[in-house]
Amino acid sequence: MRFSGRVLFITGAGSGLGRATARLFAAEGAKVFGVDVNGPGVAETVETIRRAGGVADSAVCDVGSMAAVRAAVGLAVAAFGGIDILVNAAGIGRAARLEEIDEDEWQRVLTVNLTGAFNTVKAALPHLLVRPGTVVNVASSAGMRGQAYAAHYAASKAGLVNFTRSIALEFASRGLRINCLAPAGIRSPLIRHFIPREDFEKSLVAYYSPPVAHQLAEPEDMAKAIAYLASDDAKMIIGTVLVADWGTLA
């Protein structure tokens, strides 16, 4: 019950890693407010938490819209009295050659993956500083070095890594801990969009693949890493990128 009495605001809660993280925090005593563009998905997450005896609520929210994020944060504060933990798990992307990525797709990926985190941190900041709280941003091993066939995704996650480090420094003296998780492949709906194609160069695919082929993490395993970073067990950890990638970057 590491999160008893605390309030979690989590994006991307409608499926995959976001759903697993919401359920884990609820099981450890947190009141969970989940948001996602997938309304039925986030409602299902809330229902599973409530069936298990947890406390949860939700809102449909596009994290790329500051107005939508501010409204969702307002609902969370009204429901639970504040926000102690912010987890940015929302993310989109796909494997594609640069020639296939148009301007709209490029902008949308950066908006959700990078600007979305900016929006939630800005909106939640007054509440996170009250008690004070912690932030965990979900980046990717693709944000730690170049990854072929994912230029927009890798760029957005690299930006998220340095955004995390920068604001972690800025708020360290004010008691707000901010860290980042950089996972490799997770067995979630998003991974379907990153299956290597036959026309991709095999040597480049091997460069971003783990030492043991086809290893994928379960969402519940990565949720445990997020919970560690958000917990008092990690109170000395600030501005860190925890890489969880089966040794891909070793």
Protein backbone atom coordinates (compact mmCIF):
# COMPACT_ATOMS: atom_id res chain seq x y z
CA MET A 1 0.00 0.00 0.00
CA ARG A 2 2.76 2.43 -0.96
CA PHE A 3 0.27 4.90 -2.42
CA SER A 4 -2.40 4.90 0.26
CA GLY A 5 -4.02 8.33 0.48
CA ARG A 6 -2.41 9.57 -2.73
CA VAL A 7 -4.04 10.61 -5.99
CA LEU A 8 -2.72 9.44 -9.36
CA PHE A 9 -3.47 11.30 -12.60
CA ILE A 10 -2.49 9.06 -15.51
CA THR A 11 -2.71 9.54 -19.26
CA GLY A 12 -3.11 6.70 -21.74
CA ALA A 13 -5.14 4.80 -19.15
CA GLY A 14 -7.44 3.17 -21.69
CA SER A 15 -5.18 0.24 -22.58
CA GLY A 16 -1.74 -1.34 -22.37
CA LEU A 17 0.82 0.16 -20.02
CA GLY A 18 -1.47 2.95 -18.86
CA ARG A 19 -4.20 0.52 -17.84
CA ALA A 20 -1.76 -1.82 -16.07
CA THR A 21 -0.22 1.10 -14.19
CA ALA A 22 -3.60 2.48 -13.14
CA ARG A 23 -4.62 -0.92 -11.80
CA LEU A 24 -1.35 -1.43 -9.91
CA PHE A 25 -1.50 1.98 -8.22
CA ALA A 26 -5.13 1.39 -7.25
CA ALA A 27 -4.21 -1.99 -5.77
CA GLU A 28 -1.59 -0.19 -3.68
CA GLY A 29 -4.10 2.29 -2.30
CA ALA A 30 -4.08 5.21 -4.74
CA LYS A 31 -7.16 7.02 -5.93
CA VAL A 32 -6.81 6.88 -9.70
CA PHE A 33 -7.99 9.41 -12.26
CA GLY A 34 -7.34 8.09 -15.78
CA VAL A 35 -7.62 9.92 -19.08
CA ASP A 36 -7.50 8.73 -22.66
CA VAL A 37 -8.94 9.62 -26.07
CA ASN A 38 -10.41 6.11 -26.01
CA GLY A 39 -13.53 6.66 -23.92
CA PRO A 40 -14.72 3.04 -23.75
CA GLY A 41 -11.21 1.88 -22.96
CA VAL A 42 -10.64 4.22 -20.03
CA ALA A 43 -14.15 3.49 -18.72
CA GLU A 44 -13.29 -0.21 -18.75
CA THR A 45 -10.09 0.50 -16.81
CA VAL A 46 -12.09 2.35 -14.16
CA GLU A 47 -14.63 -0.45 -13.96
CA THR A 48 -11.96 -3.12 -13.43
CA ILE A 49 -10.44 -1.05 -10.62
CA ARG A 50 -13.80 -0.55 -8.94
CA ARG A 51 -14.67 -4.24 -9.21
CA ALA A 52 -11.43 -5.00 -7.39
CA GLY A 53 -12.41 -2.62 -4.58
CA GLY A 54 -10.34 0.36 -5.71
CA VAL A 55 -11.24 4.00 -6.19
CA ALA A 56 -11.12 5.44 -9.70
CA ASP A 57 -12.69 7.92 -12.08
CA SER A 58 -11.92 9.04 -15.61
CA ALA A 59 -12.41 11.54 -18.40
CA VAL A 60 -12.03 11.46 -22.16
CA CYS A 61 -9.12 13.74 -22.96
CA ASP A 62 -6.80 14.49 -25.87
CA VAL A 63 -3.50 15.32 -24.16
CA GLY A 64 -2.50 17.40 -27.18
CA SER A 65 -5.09 19.99 -26.18
CA MET A 66 -4.16 22.19 -23.23
CA ALA A 67 -7.81 23.13 -22.75
CA ALA A 68 -8.83 19.48 -22.56
CA VAL A 69 -6.01 18.67 -20.15
CA ARG A 70 -6.85 21.59 -17.86
CA ALA A 71 -10.48 20.47 -17.80
CA ALA A 72 -9.51 16.89 -16.94
CA VAL A 73 -7.15 18.04 -14.18
CA GLY A 74 -9.99 20.14 -12.79
CA LEU A 75 -12.26 17.10 -12.72
CA ALA A 76 -9.59 15.03 -10.96
CA VAL A 77 -9.05 17.68 -8.30
CA ALA A 78 -12.79 18.08 -7.80
CA ALA A 79 -13.20 14.32 -7.43
CA PHE A 80 -10.22 13.54 -5.20
CA GLY A 81 -9.03 16.82 -3.71
CA GLY A 82 -5.66 17.12 -5.42
CA ILE A 83 -2.98 15.33 -7.43
CA ASP A 84 0.09 13.70 -5.89
CA ILE A 85 1.41 11.63 -8.80
CA LEU A 86 1.38 12.31 -12.53
CA VAL A 87 2.19 9.52 -14.97
CA ASN A 88 2.39 10.35 -18.67
CA ALA A 89 1.82 7.01 -20.37
CA ALA A 90 -0.07 8.24 -23.45
CA GLY A 91 1.83 7.65 -26.66
CA ILE A 92 1.40 6.99 -30.36
CA GLY A 93 3.65 6.06 -33.27
CA ARG A 94 4.44 3.48 -35.91
CA ALA A 95 7.30 2.02 -37.90
CA ALA A 96 7.64 3.83 -41.21
CA ARG A 97 10.23 5.07 -43.64
CA LEU A 98 10.82 8.80 -43.53
CA GLU A 99 9.38 9.15 -47.03
CA GLU A 100 6.06 7.78 -45.72
CA ILE A 101 5.70 10.25 -42.85
CA ASP A 102 3.80 13.37 -43.85
CA GLU A 103 3.68 16.67 -41.99
CA ASP A 104 0.40 15.91 -40.24
CA GLU A 105 1.61 12.59 -38.87
CA TRP A 106 4.92 14.10 -37.76
CA GLN A 107 3.11 16.88 -35.91
CA ARG A 108 0.54 14.57 -34.31
CA VAL A 109 3.18 12.20 -32.91
CA LEU A 110 5.16 15.07 -31.39
CA THR A 111 1.98 16.65 -30.08
CA VAL A 112 0.81 13.55 -28.22
CA ASN A 113 4.18 12.20 -27.07
CA LEU A 114 5.96 15.43 -26.17
CA THR A 115 3.56 18.37 -26.03
CA GLY A 116 1.09 16.14 -24.18
CA ALA A 117 3.55 15.77 -21.31
CA PHE A 118 4.19 19.51 -21.30
CA ASN A 119 0.45 20.12 -21.10
CA THR A 120 -0.18 17.73 -18.22
CA VAL A 121 2.80 18.93 -16.18
CA LYS A 122 1.77 22.56 -16.66
CA ALA A 123 -1.85 21.88 -15.73
CA ALA A 124 -1.09 19.66 -12.75
CA LEU A 125 1.88 21.66 -11.43
CA PRO A 126 0.01 23.84 -8.90
CA HIS A 127 -1.41 20.69 -7.32
CA LEU A 128 1.80 18.66 -7.50
CA LEU A 129 3.64 21.38 -5.57
CA VAL A 130 1.17 21.43 -2.70
CA ARG A 131 2.10 18.14 -1.03
CA PRO A 132 4.64 17.93 -3.03
CA GLY A 133 4.42 15.12 -5.57
CA THR A 134 6.18 13.18 -8.28
CA VAL A 135 6.05 12.81 -12.07
CA VAL A 136 6.98 9.80 -14.18
CA ASN A 137 7.13 10.28 -17.95
CA VAL A 138 7.16 7.22 -20.20
CA ALA A 139 9.72 7.67 -22.96
CA SER A 140 11.33 4.80 -24.87
CA SER A 141 14.66 3.20 -25.64
CA ALA A 142 14.05 4.78 -29.06
CA GLY A 143 14.60 8.14 -27.39
CA MET A 144 18.05 7.18 -26.14
CA ARG A 145 19.74 6.74 -29.52
CA GLY A 146 18.81 6.75 -33.22
CA GLN A 147 16.24 4.21 -34.36
CA ALA A 148 15.67 3.61 -38.04
CA TYR A 149 12.09 3.59 -39.33
CA ALA A 150 10.75 5.55 -36.38
CA ALA A 151 12.08 9.09 -36.90
CA HIS A 152 8.99 10.87 -35.57
CA TYR A 153 8.52 8.53 -32.62
CA ALA A 154 12.21 8.54 -31.68
CA ALA A 155 12.42 12.33 -31.94
CA SER A 156 9.39 12.79 -29.70
CA LYS A 157 10.73 10.39 -27.07
CA ALA A 158 14.21 11.95 -27.14
CA GLY A 159 12.55 15.30 -26.54
CA LEU A 160 10.61 13.81 -23.65
CA VAL A 161 13.83 12.49 -22.08
CA ASN A 162 15.47 15.91 -22.06
CA PHE A 163 12.25 17.65 -21.05
CA THR A 164 12.19 15.34 -18.04
CA ARG A 165 15.80 16.01 -17.12
CA SER A 166 15.39 19.77 -17.50
CA ILE A 167 12.30 20.16 -15.34
CA ALA A 168 13.67 17.67 -12.81
CA LEU A 169 16.52 20.10 -12.17
CA GLU A 170 14.18 23.06 -12.07
CA PHE A 171 11.91 21.60 -9.38
CA ALA A 172 14.36 19.51 -7.33
CA SER A 173 14.73 22.25 -4.71
CA ARG A 174 10.95 22.57 -4.46
CA GLY A 175 10.38 18.94 -3.50
CA LEU A 176 8.86 17.76 -6.78
CA ARG A 177 10.57 14.60 -8.08
CA ILE A 178 10.49 14.03 -11.84
CA ASN A 179 11.84 10.95 -13.59
CA CYS A 180 11.47 9.00 -16.79
CA LEU A 181 11.08 5.36 -17.82
CA ALA A 182 12.58 4.26 -21.13
CA PRO A 183 11.15 0.84 -22.01
CA ALA A 184 11.72 -1.25 -25.10
CA GLY A 185 8.87 -3.24 -26.66
CA ILE A 186 5.81 -3.88 -24.51
CA ARG A 187 3.12 -6.41 -25.29
CA SER A 188 0.39 -3.80 -25.81
CA PRO A 189 -1.82 -2.52 -28.65
CA LEU A 190 0.87 -0.01 -29.67
CA ILE A 191 3.43 -2.69 -30.48
CA ARG A 192 1.37 -3.85 -33.48
CA HIS A 193 2.38 -0.64 -35.24
CA PHE A 194 6.10 -1.36 -34.83
CA ILE A 195 6.37 -4.83 -36.36
CA PRO A 196 9.39 -4.72 -38.73
CA ARG A 197 8.49 -5.00 -42.41
CA GLU A 198 10.18 -7.11 -45.04
CA ASP A 199 11.46 -4.01 -46.84
CA PHE A 200 13.34 -2.76 -43.74
CA GLU A 201 17.10 -3.39 -43.69
CA LYS A 202 17.69 -6.33 -41.40
CA SER A 203 20.91 -4.88 -39.96
CA LEU A 204 19.07 -1.73 -38.89
CA VAL A 205 16.26 -3.73 -37.31
CA ALA A 206 18.87 -5.77 -35.43
CA TYR A 207 20.44 -2.55 -34.15
CA TYR A 208 17.32 -1.65 -32.15
CA SER A 209 16.38 -5.23 -31.20
CA PRO A 210 17.21 -6.87 -27.84
CA PRO A 211 20.05 -9.43 -27.59
CA VAL A 212 17.49 -12.22 -27.27
CA ALA A 213 15.20 -11.96 -30.27
CA HIS A 214 11.53 -11.04 -29.90
CA GLN A 215 11.64 -10.28 -26.17
CA LEU A 216 8.69 -8.14 -25.08
CA ALA A 217 7.78 -6.93 -21.61
CA GLU A 218 4.35 -7.39 -20.13
CA PRO A 219 2.57 -4.11 -19.27
CA GLU A 220 2.37 -5.21 -15.64
CA ASP A 221 6.16 -5.52 -15.43
CA MET A 222 6.73 -1.99 -16.71
CA ALA A 223 3.99 -0.73 -14.39
CA LYS A 224 6.09 -2.00 -11.47
CA ALA A 225 9.03 0.10 -12.70
CA ILE A 226 6.80 3.18 -12.85
CA ALA A 227 5.48 2.46 -9.36
CA TYR A 228 9.03 2.21 -8.04
CA LEU A 229 9.99 5.60 -9.50
CA ALA A 230 6.83 7.18 -8.09
CA SER A 231 7.20 5.65 -4.63
CA ASP A 232 9.12 6.78 -1.57
CA ASP A 233 11.45 3.84 -2.24
CA ALA A 234 13.00 6.08 -4.92
CA LYS A 235 13.00 9.34 -2.96
CA MET A 236 16.67 9.96 -3.79
CA ILE A 237 16.12 9.48 -7.55
CA ILE A 238 15.61 12.73 -9.48
CA GLY A 239 16.07 13.43 -13.19
CA THR A 240 16.87 9.81 -13.97
CA VAL A 241 15.99 7.82 -17.07
CA LEU A 242 15.39 4.21 -16.02
CA VAL A 243 16.10 2.06 -19.08
CA ALA A 244 14.19 -1.22 -19.14
CA ASP A 245 15.04 -2.75 -22.50
CA TRP A 246 16.32 -6.32 -22.05
CA GLY A 247 19.88 -5.08 -22.63
CA THR A 248 19.24 -3.50 -26.03
CA LEU A 249 21.31 -0.39 -25.29
CA ALA A 250 23.97 -2.13 -23.18
